Amino acid sequence: MLTWRAGTVAERGAAWPGARELAVTLDEPLPGRPDDAAARRVRALAYTALVGDPAPGDRLLLNVSALARGLGTGGYALVAGPADPSALPADPAPGPGHLVKARYTPLQAMVLGVDEQESAHHTTLREADDLGGMPVVVADLHSAVPAIVAGARHAAQLAGRPAPRVAYVMTDGGALPAAFSRSVAALREAGWVETTITVGQAFGGDLEAVTVHTGLLAAHHVAGVDLAVVAQGPGNLGTGTRWGFSGVAAGEAVNAAATMRGRAVASLRVSGADPRDRHLGVSHHSLTAYGRVALAPADVVVPRPAPDVEALPGWGAALTRRVRDQAATLVGLQTPHRVVEVDARTPLLEALRTSPARLSTMGRGLDDDPAAFLAAAVAGVHAAGLAADLAADVAPAS
């Protein structure tokens, strides 16, 4: 089940909060690879809060299972710890917290949950049950997150409002460590995301929570944000079957938001460039998650492209019709979803280019598949409008 290797750090690479890239020379080649110096030198990733920050010359134990299989998102050798037990990191300082994330794995981490008894926010969250209408944008791919936030900020700028304060609620369908996401690190550093809340088995956010429900409640009652974005970490898992994909949890997130009186906004996974018909237009993942799993209503946001946007490579009138028709199938099922069309114009496309996080989905960038990112961005536009309306409704009378 696991493929292990030992190796020596050749050099340090890029670092961001919680993670460090390394170049490591393996003692033995990967299975089926040539036994030469080039093949033995691999890219590795160390989660510094778990295993420390290795330096050149350090000996490491590495899990190379995903690397050996050539998986895209998992294309790292993951540092499990030093190969020499005498080089183990020092014990952490004593402190509160009994939430165990990545439970019963060799690298399970103990964290302080925002909702647990030792938290300063436990009293606030103990009976919390209401999101007060807070918009909750749900997406099934991590790559949608920067585009959603860019859309929300663009809408606020056009309206002359301050940028909305955004919480990213990271679920555990993809990567478990928040530190794996360079997008989140870039969005946090730029101030585009106010706080990251890791829920379920995911860990490493600014706040930790047990469930999507308490994560959303923490976003509203503790962080006090204007809107939340719920999506899994990097690394969607799919099997080419109707139900066997990790993004199915997007439907459950809609249910969670609606159950607690939030305003669920469904961000559609759209592509005009994916060679697989099941992902062309609106992906079958979105159709399944929102049409079969979600039992509560959501605003299903559909891009309405301006002529110059529709003329972009990978779009065209046929894709516009296909997306609109597919979205319409989500209305009138077991859930009374509402289809909301939002203009996708060139200024929104340019706003996406200002994202501090790299825009990439399934190996395609903004110019390769503009529909993918604009479909996410219009969900952010709509959510920002809902947040502004909500703030106006609750503002005290002058």
Protein backbone atom coordinates (compact mmCIF):
# COMPACT_ATOMS: atom_id res chain seq x y z
CA MET A 1 0.00 0.00 0.00
CA LEU A 2 2.89 2.38 0.70
CA THR A 3 6.15 2.83 -1.16
CA TRP A 4 8.94 4.14 1.07
CA ARG A 5 12.34 5.57 0.29
CA ALA A 6 15.12 7.21 2.27
CA GLY A 7 17.03 10.10 0.83
CA THR A 8 19.25 13.11 1.44
CA VAL A 9 18.21 16.75 1.05
CA ALA A 10 20.16 18.24 -1.85
CA GLU A 11 18.70 21.73 -1.63
CA ARG A 12 15.81 23.73 -0.26
CA GLY A 13 13.19 25.18 -2.56
CA ALA A 14 10.21 27.49 -2.20
CA ALA A 15 8.53 27.86 1.17
CA TRP A 16 5.13 29.17 2.20
CA PRO A 17 3.29 29.03 5.54
CA GLY A 18 3.39 25.44 6.77
CA ALA A 19 5.29 23.88 3.86
CA ARG A 20 8.73 23.64 2.28
CA GLU A 21 9.71 22.23 -1.12
CA LEU A 22 12.93 20.23 -1.26
CA ALA A 23 15.11 18.53 -3.81
CA VAL A 24 15.99 15.11 -2.42
CA THR A 25 18.34 12.46 -3.74
CA LEU A 26 16.87 9.01 -3.09
CA ASP A 27 19.01 6.14 -1.92
CA GLU A 28 17.19 3.85 -4.38
CA PRO A 29 15.32 4.68 -7.60
CA LEU A 30 11.54 4.69 -7.82
CA PRO A 31 9.93 1.46 -9.05
CA GLY A 32 10.33 1.06 -12.79
CA ARG A 33 12.55 4.15 -13.11
CA PRO A 34 16.17 4.24 -14.36
CA ASP A 35 18.86 3.87 -11.74
CA ASP A 36 20.74 7.08 -12.45
CA ALA A 37 21.36 10.37 -10.67
CA ALA A 38 18.66 12.29 -12.54
CA ALA A 39 15.96 9.73 -11.78
CA ARG A 40 16.93 9.57 -8.12
CA ARG A 41 16.58 13.32 -7.63
CA VAL A 42 12.94 14.06 -6.79
CA ARG A 43 10.81 16.96 -5.65
CA ALA A 44 9.70 16.53 -2.05
CA LEU A 45 7.38 18.41 0.28
CA ALA A 46 7.77 18.81 4.03
CA TYR A 47 4.92 20.02 6.23
CA THR A 48 7.03 22.01 8.62
CA ALA A 49 4.55 21.94 11.50
CA LEU A 50 4.66 18.13 11.41
CA VAL A 51 8.25 17.21 10.50
CA GLY A 52 10.27 20.40 10.90
CA ASP A 53 12.13 22.33 8.18
CA PRO A 54 14.82 20.03 6.73
CA ALA A 55 18.15 21.47 5.65
CA PRO A 56 20.62 20.33 2.96
CA GLY A 57 22.39 17.17 4.05
CA ASP A 58 19.51 16.00 6.30
CA ARG A 59 18.50 12.37 5.93
CA LEU A 60 14.76 11.86 5.43
CA LEU A 61 12.18 9.09 5.29
CA LEU A 62 9.76 9.70 2.42
CA ASN A 63 6.43 8.32 1.26
CA VAL A 64 6.79 8.14 -2.54
CA SER A 65 3.62 6.15 -3.29
CA ALA A 66 1.78 8.80 -5.33
CA LEU A 67 4.97 9.96 -7.01
CA ALA A 68 5.72 6.41 -8.10
CA ARG A 69 2.26 6.18 -9.68
CA GLY A 70 2.71 9.47 -11.53
CA LEU A 71 -0.31 11.16 -9.97
CA GLY A 72 -0.59 14.85 -10.78
CA THR A 73 -1.60 16.51 -7.53
CA GLY A 74 0.31 13.94 -5.54
CA GLY A 75 3.47 14.49 -7.54
CA TYR A 76 5.67 14.95 -4.52
CA ALA A 77 7.70 12.68 -2.33
CA LEU A 78 6.15 13.48 1.05
CA VAL A 79 8.48 13.82 4.01
CA ALA A 80 7.36 11.48 6.79
CA GLY A 81 10.19 12.51 9.11
CA PRO A 82 13.93 12.28 9.54
CA ALA A 83 15.52 8.93 8.73
CA ASP A 84 17.63 9.31 11.87
CA PRO A 85 15.45 9.21 15.02
CA SER A 86 17.92 11.49 16.81
CA ALA A 87 16.91 14.28 14.40
CA LEU A 88 13.21 14.23 15.33
CA PRO A 89 11.65 17.68 15.93
CA ALA A 90 11.35 18.84 19.53
CA ASP A 91 8.12 18.18 21.41
CA PRO A 92 5.52 20.94 21.01
CA ALA A 93 4.82 23.21 23.96
CA PRO A 94 1.97 21.99 26.17
CA GLY A 95 -1.34 23.52 25.24
CA PRO A 96 -5.07 22.98 24.88
CA GLY A 97 -6.75 21.06 22.10
CA HIS A 98 -7.87 17.47 21.68
CA LEU A 99 -9.13 17.41 18.09
CA VAL A 100 -7.15 14.78 16.19
CA LYS A 101 -6.96 15.36 12.43
CA ALA A 102 -5.79 12.73 9.92
CA ARG A 103 -6.86 10.37 12.67
CA TYR A 104 -5.16 7.02 13.16
CA THR A 105 -2.55 7.71 10.51
CA PRO A 106 1.15 7.84 11.43
CA LEU A 107 1.08 11.64 11.05
CA GLN A 108 -2.13 12.38 12.93
CA ALA A 109 -2.03 15.92 14.29
CA MET A 110 -3.49 17.27 17.53
CA VAL A 111 -5.12 20.68 17.15
CA LEU A 112 -7.35 23.04 19.10
CA GLY A 113 -10.82 23.10 17.57
CA VAL A 114 -12.76 26.34 17.55
CA ASP A 115 -15.80 24.37 18.67
CA GLU A 116 -14.24 22.21 21.43
CA GLN A 117 -14.51 22.70 25.17
CA GLU A 118 -11.03 24.19 25.59
CA SER A 119 -11.62 26.85 22.97
CA ALA A 120 -12.33 30.46 23.92
CA HIS A 121 -15.18 30.28 21.40
CA HIS A 122 -16.86 27.18 22.79
CA THR A 123 -19.53 29.17 24.62
CA THR A 124 -20.34 31.12 21.45
CA LEU A 125 -20.64 27.98 19.34
CA ARG A 126 -22.21 25.66 21.91
CA GLU A 127 -25.76 26.68 21.02
CA ALA A 128 -25.07 28.48 17.74
CA ASP A 129 -27.53 27.30 15.12
CA ASP A 130 -28.01 30.11 12.62
CA LEU A 131 -25.92 31.71 9.88
CA GLY A 132 -28.20 34.72 9.68
CA GLY A 133 -28.55 34.53 5.91
CA MET A 134 -24.78 34.60 5.26
CA PRO A 135 -24.03 33.65 1.63
CA VAL A 136 -22.21 30.33 1.33
CA VAL A 137 -20.67 29.60 -2.06
CA VAL A 138 -20.14 25.89 -2.65
CA ALA A 139 -17.75 24.44 -5.24
CA ASP A 140 -16.51 20.92 -5.84
CA LEU A 141 -13.01 21.84 -7.09
CA HIS A 142 -10.36 23.70 -5.11
CA SER A 143 -9.35 25.58 -8.28
CA ALA A 144 -12.67 27.46 -8.13
CA VAL A 145 -11.79 29.21 -4.88
CA PRO A 146 -9.52 32.00 -6.24
CA ALA A 147 -11.98 32.71 -9.06
CA ILE A 148 -14.95 32.93 -6.68
CA VAL A 149 -13.09 35.38 -4.45
CA ALA A 150 -11.96 37.43 -7.47
CA GLY A 151 -15.57 37.66 -8.64
CA ALA A 152 -16.79 38.78 -5.22
CA ARG A 153 -14.13 41.49 -5.00
CA HIS A 154 -14.83 42.67 -8.54
CA ALA A 155 -18.55 43.05 -7.79
CA ALA A 156 -17.81 45.07 -4.68
CA GLN A 157 -15.40 47.32 -6.54
CA LEU A 158 -17.95 48.02 -9.29
CA ALA A 159 -20.52 48.95 -6.66
CA GLY A 160 -18.09 51.17 -4.77
CA ARG A 161 -18.19 48.94 -1.70
CA PRO A 162 -15.32 47.61 0.40
CA ALA A 163 -14.15 44.15 -0.62
CA PRO A 164 -16.12 41.48 1.25
CA ARG A 165 -14.42 39.63 4.07
CA VAL A 166 -14.23 35.98 3.01
CA ALA A 167 -13.74 32.74 4.92
CA TYR A 168 -12.57 29.66 3.08
CA VAL A 169 -13.98 26.50 4.65
CA MET A 170 -11.74 23.65 3.47
CA THR A 171 -13.27 20.20 3.51
CA ASP A 172 -11.37 16.93 3.48
CA GLY A 173 -12.22 15.48 0.07
CA GLY A 174 -8.81 16.38 -1.36
CA ALA A 175 -5.60 17.33 0.41
CA LEU A 176 -5.87 17.25 4.20
CA PRO A 177 -3.15 19.81 5.08
CA ALA A 178 -4.14 23.39 4.25
CA ALA A 179 -0.43 24.01 3.74
CA PHE A 180 -0.55 21.95 0.53
CA SER A 181 -2.46 24.79 -1.16
CA ARG A 182 -0.30 27.57 -2.53
CA SER A 183 -3.54 29.24 -3.63
CA VAL A 184 -4.75 29.57 -0.05
CA ALA A 185 -1.34 30.84 1.07
CA ALA A 186 -1.37 33.49 -1.67
CA LEU A 187 -4.97 34.54 -1.00
CA ARG A 188 -4.29 34.83 2.74
CA GLU A 189 -1.08 36.79 2.22
CA ALA A 190 -2.82 39.23 -0.13
CA GLY A 191 -5.73 39.68 2.26
CA TRP A 192 -8.24 38.30 -0.25
CA VAL A 193 -9.26 35.60 2.26
CA GLU A 194 -9.77 36.69 5.85
CA THR A 195 -9.52 33.26 7.42
CA THR A 196 -9.22 29.60 6.48
CA ILE A 197 -11.22 27.06 8.49
CA THR A 198 -10.25 23.41 8.08
CA VAL A 199 -13.03 20.93 8.84
CA GLY A 200 -13.40 17.18 9.06
CA GLN A 201 -9.99 15.52 8.67
CA ALA A 202 -8.48 18.60 7.01
CA PHE A 203 -6.12 20.58 9.22
CA GLY A 204 -3.80 23.56 9.34
CA GLY A 205 -6.29 26.40 8.88
CA ASP A 206 -6.45 29.56 10.95
CA LEU A 207 -9.33 27.86 12.72
CA GLU A 208 -10.06 24.14 13.08
CA ALA A 209 -13.56 22.68 13.30
CA VAL A 210 -15.12 19.23 13.53
CA THR A 211 -17.70 19.55 10.75
CA VAL A 212 -18.73 21.78 7.87
CA HIS A 213 -21.58 22.93 10.11
CA THR A 214 -19.36 24.20 12.91
CA GLY A 215 -16.89 25.55 10.36
CA LEU A 216 -19.62 27.70 8.83
CA LEU A 217 -20.87 28.76 12.24
CA ALA A 218 -17.33 29.78 13.17
CA ALA A 219 -17.06 31.80 9.94
CA HIS A 220 -20.20 33.73 10.91
CA HIS A 221 -20.04 33.96 14.71
CA VAL A 222 -16.26 33.95 15.33
CA ALA A 223 -14.60 35.38 12.20
CA GLY A 224 -17.57 37.63 11.39
CA VAL A 225 -17.04 37.42 7.63
CA ASP A 226 -19.42 38.57 4.93
CA LEU A 227 -19.45 35.31 2.99
CA ALA A 228 -17.94 31.84 3.06
CA VAL A 229 -16.59 29.62 0.30
CA VAL A 230 -16.77 25.85 0.87
CA ALA A 231 -14.61 23.55 -1.24
CA GLN A 232 -12.29 20.60 -0.80
CA GLY A 233 -8.55 21.01 -0.71
CA PRO A 234 -6.42 20.41 -3.83
CA GLY A 235 -6.67 16.97 -5.39
CA ASN A 236 -10.21 16.03 -6.39
CA LEU A 237 -10.56 12.25 -6.45
CA GLY A 238 -12.66 10.80 -9.25
CA THR A 239 -13.24 7.33 -10.60
CA GLY A 240 -15.20 8.01 -13.79
CA THR A 241 -18.42 6.86 -12.11
CA ARG A 242 -21.56 8.82 -11.25
CA TRP A 243 -21.05 8.70 -7.49
CA GLY A 244 -17.36 7.95 -7.04
CA PHE A 245 -15.90 11.43 -6.76
CA SER A 246 -14.93 13.46 -3.73
CA GLY A 247 -16.82 16.54 -4.94
CA VAL A 248 -20.11 14.82 -4.11
CA ALA A 249 -19.68 16.56 -0.74
CA ALA A 250 -20.64 19.84 -2.43
CA GLY A 251 -24.25 18.74 -2.24
CA GLU A 252 -23.91 18.04 1.47
CA ALA A 253 -22.42 21.51 1.97
CA VAL A 254 -25.52 23.03 0.35
CA ASN A 255 -27.61 21.08 2.84
CA ALA A 256 -25.48 22.28 5.75
CA ALA A 257 -25.73 25.91 4.72
CA ALA A 258 -29.48 25.79 4.21
CA THR A 259 -30.11 23.84 7.42
CA MET A 260 -28.55 26.69 9.39
CA ARG A 261 -30.33 29.47 7.48
CA GLY A 262 -27.45 30.41 5.26
CA ARG A 263 -27.92 31.38 1.61
CA ALA A 264 -26.45 28.57 -0.45
CA VAL A 265 -24.89 29.57 -3.78
CA ALA A 266 -23.93 26.73 -6.13
CA SER A 267 -20.81 27.36 -8.19
CA LEU A 268 -21.00 25.21 -11.31
CA ARG A 269 -18.02 23.25 -12.57
CA VAL A 270 -17.95 24.26 -16.23
CA SER A 271 -15.50 23.56 -19.03
CA GLY A 272 -15.31 24.34 -22.70
CA ALA A 273 -11.99 22.57 -23.16
CA ASP A 274 -12.24 19.26 -21.30
CA PRO A 275 -11.96 16.41 -23.82
CA ARG A 276 -14.31 14.25 -21.76
CA ASP A 277 -17.95 14.75 -22.70
CA ARG A 278 -19.11 14.17 -19.10
CA HIS A 279 -17.19 17.31 -18.07
CA LEU A 280 -18.02 19.45 -21.12
CA GLY A 281 -20.39 22.28 -20.31
CA VAL A 282 -21.60 21.64 -16.77
CA SER A 283 -19.69 18.68 -15.35
CA HIS A 284 -21.71 15.64 -14.33
CA HIS A 285 -20.12 16.17 -10.91
CA SER A 286 -22.07 19.41 -10.45
CA LEU A 287 -25.23 17.89 -11.86
CA THR A 288 -25.00 14.97 -9.42
CA ALA A 289 -23.98 16.97 -6.35
CA TYR A 290 -26.59 19.70 -6.77
CA GLY A 291 -29.28 17.66 -8.52
CA ARG A 292 -29.19 14.43 -6.50
CA VAL A 293 -27.32 15.06 -3.22
CA ALA A 294 -28.50 18.56 -2.32
CA LEU A 295 -31.90 18.32 -0.69
CA ALA A 296 -32.12 22.03 0.06
CA PRO A 297 -32.41 24.94 -2.38
CA ALA A 298 -29.46 26.91 -3.73
CA ASP A 299 -28.91 29.74 -6.17
CA VAL A 300 -27.39 28.02 -9.22
CA VAL A 301 -25.32 30.72 -10.89
CA VAL A 302 -24.90 30.60 -14.67
CA PRO A 303 -22.58 32.90 -16.66
CA ARG A 304 -24.22 35.04 -19.33
CA PRO A 305 -21.25 35.86 -21.58
CA ALA A 306 -20.90 39.12 -23.45
CA PRO A 307 -20.27 38.61 -27.20
CA ASP A 308 -16.53 39.24 -26.90
CA VAL A 309 -16.26 36.76 -24.04
CA GLU A 310 -18.33 34.16 -25.86
CA ALA A 311 -15.91 34.49 -28.79
CA LEU A 312 -12.96 33.44 -26.63
CA PRO A 313 -11.24 30.11 -27.42
CA GLY A 314 -13.07 27.20 -25.85
CA TRP A 315 -16.38 29.05 -25.49
CA GLY A 316 -18.84 29.80 -28.30
CA ALA A 317 -22.62 29.99 -28.53
CA ALA A 318 -22.98 26.20 -28.38
CA LEU A 319 -21.30 26.06 -24.97
CA THR A 320 -23.49 28.90 -23.66
CA ARG A 321 -26.63 27.03 -24.71
CA ARG A 322 -25.36 23.75 -23.29
CA VAL A 323 -24.56 25.28 -19.90
CA ARG A 324 -27.92 27.06 -19.71
CA ASP A 325 -29.83 23.91 -20.67
CA GLN A 326 -27.89 21.74 -18.21
CA ALA A 327 -28.41 24.20 -15.37
CA ALA A 328 -32.12 24.24 -16.12
CA THR A 329 -32.28 20.52 -15.34
CA LEU A 330 -31.43 21.34 -11.72
CA VAL A 331 -34.72 23.19 -11.28
CA GLY A 332 -37.88 21.31 -10.41
CA LEU A 333 -36.23 18.15 -9.09
CA GLN A 334 -36.50 17.27 -5.41
CA THR A 335 -35.03 20.70 -4.65
CA PRO A 336 -36.41 24.10 -5.67
CA HIS A 337 -33.11 25.48 -6.93
CA ARG A 338 -33.12 28.94 -8.48
CA VAL A 339 -31.13 29.60 -11.66
CA VAL A 340 -29.47 33.02 -11.55
CA GLU A 341 -27.80 34.37 -14.69
CA VAL A 342 -24.93 36.80 -14.11
CA ASP A 343 -23.14 38.79 -16.79
CA ALA A 344 -19.65 37.58 -17.67
CA ARG A 345 -17.96 40.55 -19.28
CA THR A 346 -14.39 41.44 -20.15
CA PRO A 347 -13.81 43.45 -16.93
CA LEU A 348 -14.59 40.30 -14.93
CA LEU A 349 -12.10 38.36 -17.04
CA GLU A 350 -9.48 41.02 -16.35
CA ALA A 351 -10.29 40.90 -12.64
CA LEU A 352 -9.46 37.20 -12.70
CA ARG A 353 -6.01 38.07 -14.04
CA THR A 354 -5.32 40.08 -10.88
CA SER A 355 -5.69 37.04 -8.63
CA PRO A 356 -2.68 36.56 -6.36
CA ALA A 357 -3.24 32.81 -6.70
CA ARG A 358 -2.42 30.98 -9.92
CA LEU A 359 -5.53 30.04 -11.87
CA SER A 360 -5.32 26.45 -13.03
CA THR A 361 -7.82 23.63 -13.31
CA MET A 362 -7.03 20.16 -14.62
CA GLY A 363 -3.79 21.60 -16.02
CA ARG A 364 -5.58 24.39 -17.93
CA GLY A 365 -5.21 28.10 -17.27
CA LEU A 366 -7.52 31.06 -17.78
CA ASP A 367 -6.72 31.47 -21.46
CA ASP A 368 -7.09 27.73 -22.11
CA ASP A 369 -10.51 27.36 -20.49
CA PRO A 370 -12.01 30.77 -19.61
CA ALA A 371 -15.47 29.29 -19.03
CA ALA A 372 -14.17 27.29 -16.06
CA PHE A 373 -13.02 30.35 -14.15
CA LEU A 374 -15.75 32.76 -15.23
CA ALA A 375 -18.41 30.25 -14.13
CA ALA A 376 -16.84 30.29 -10.66
CA ALA A 377 -16.32 34.05 -10.69
CA VAL A 378 -19.99 34.82 -11.38
CA ALA A 379 -20.91 32.78 -8.30
CA GLY A 380 -18.68 35.15 -6.34
CA VAL A 381 -20.31 38.16 -8.00
CA HIS A 382 -23.74 36.92 -6.97
CA ALA A 383 -22.64 36.12 -3.43
CA ALA A 384 -21.12 39.58 -2.98
CA GLY A 385 -24.44 41.13 -3.99
CA LEU A 386 -26.30 38.94 -1.50
CA ALA A 387 -23.83 39.91 1.23
CA ALA A 388 -24.31 43.60 0.48
CA ASP A 389 -28.10 43.23 0.55
CA LEU A 390 -27.88 41.38 3.84
CA ALA A 391 -25.67 44.07 5.37
CA ALA A 392 -28.12 46.73 4.27
CA ASP A 393 -31.03 44.80 5.81
CA VAL A 394 -29.34 44.43 9.19
CA ALA A 395 -27.79 47.91 9.37
CA PRO A 396 -29.29 50.01 12.17
CA ALA A 397 -31.63 52.76 11.10
CA SER A 398 -30.07 56.23 11.12
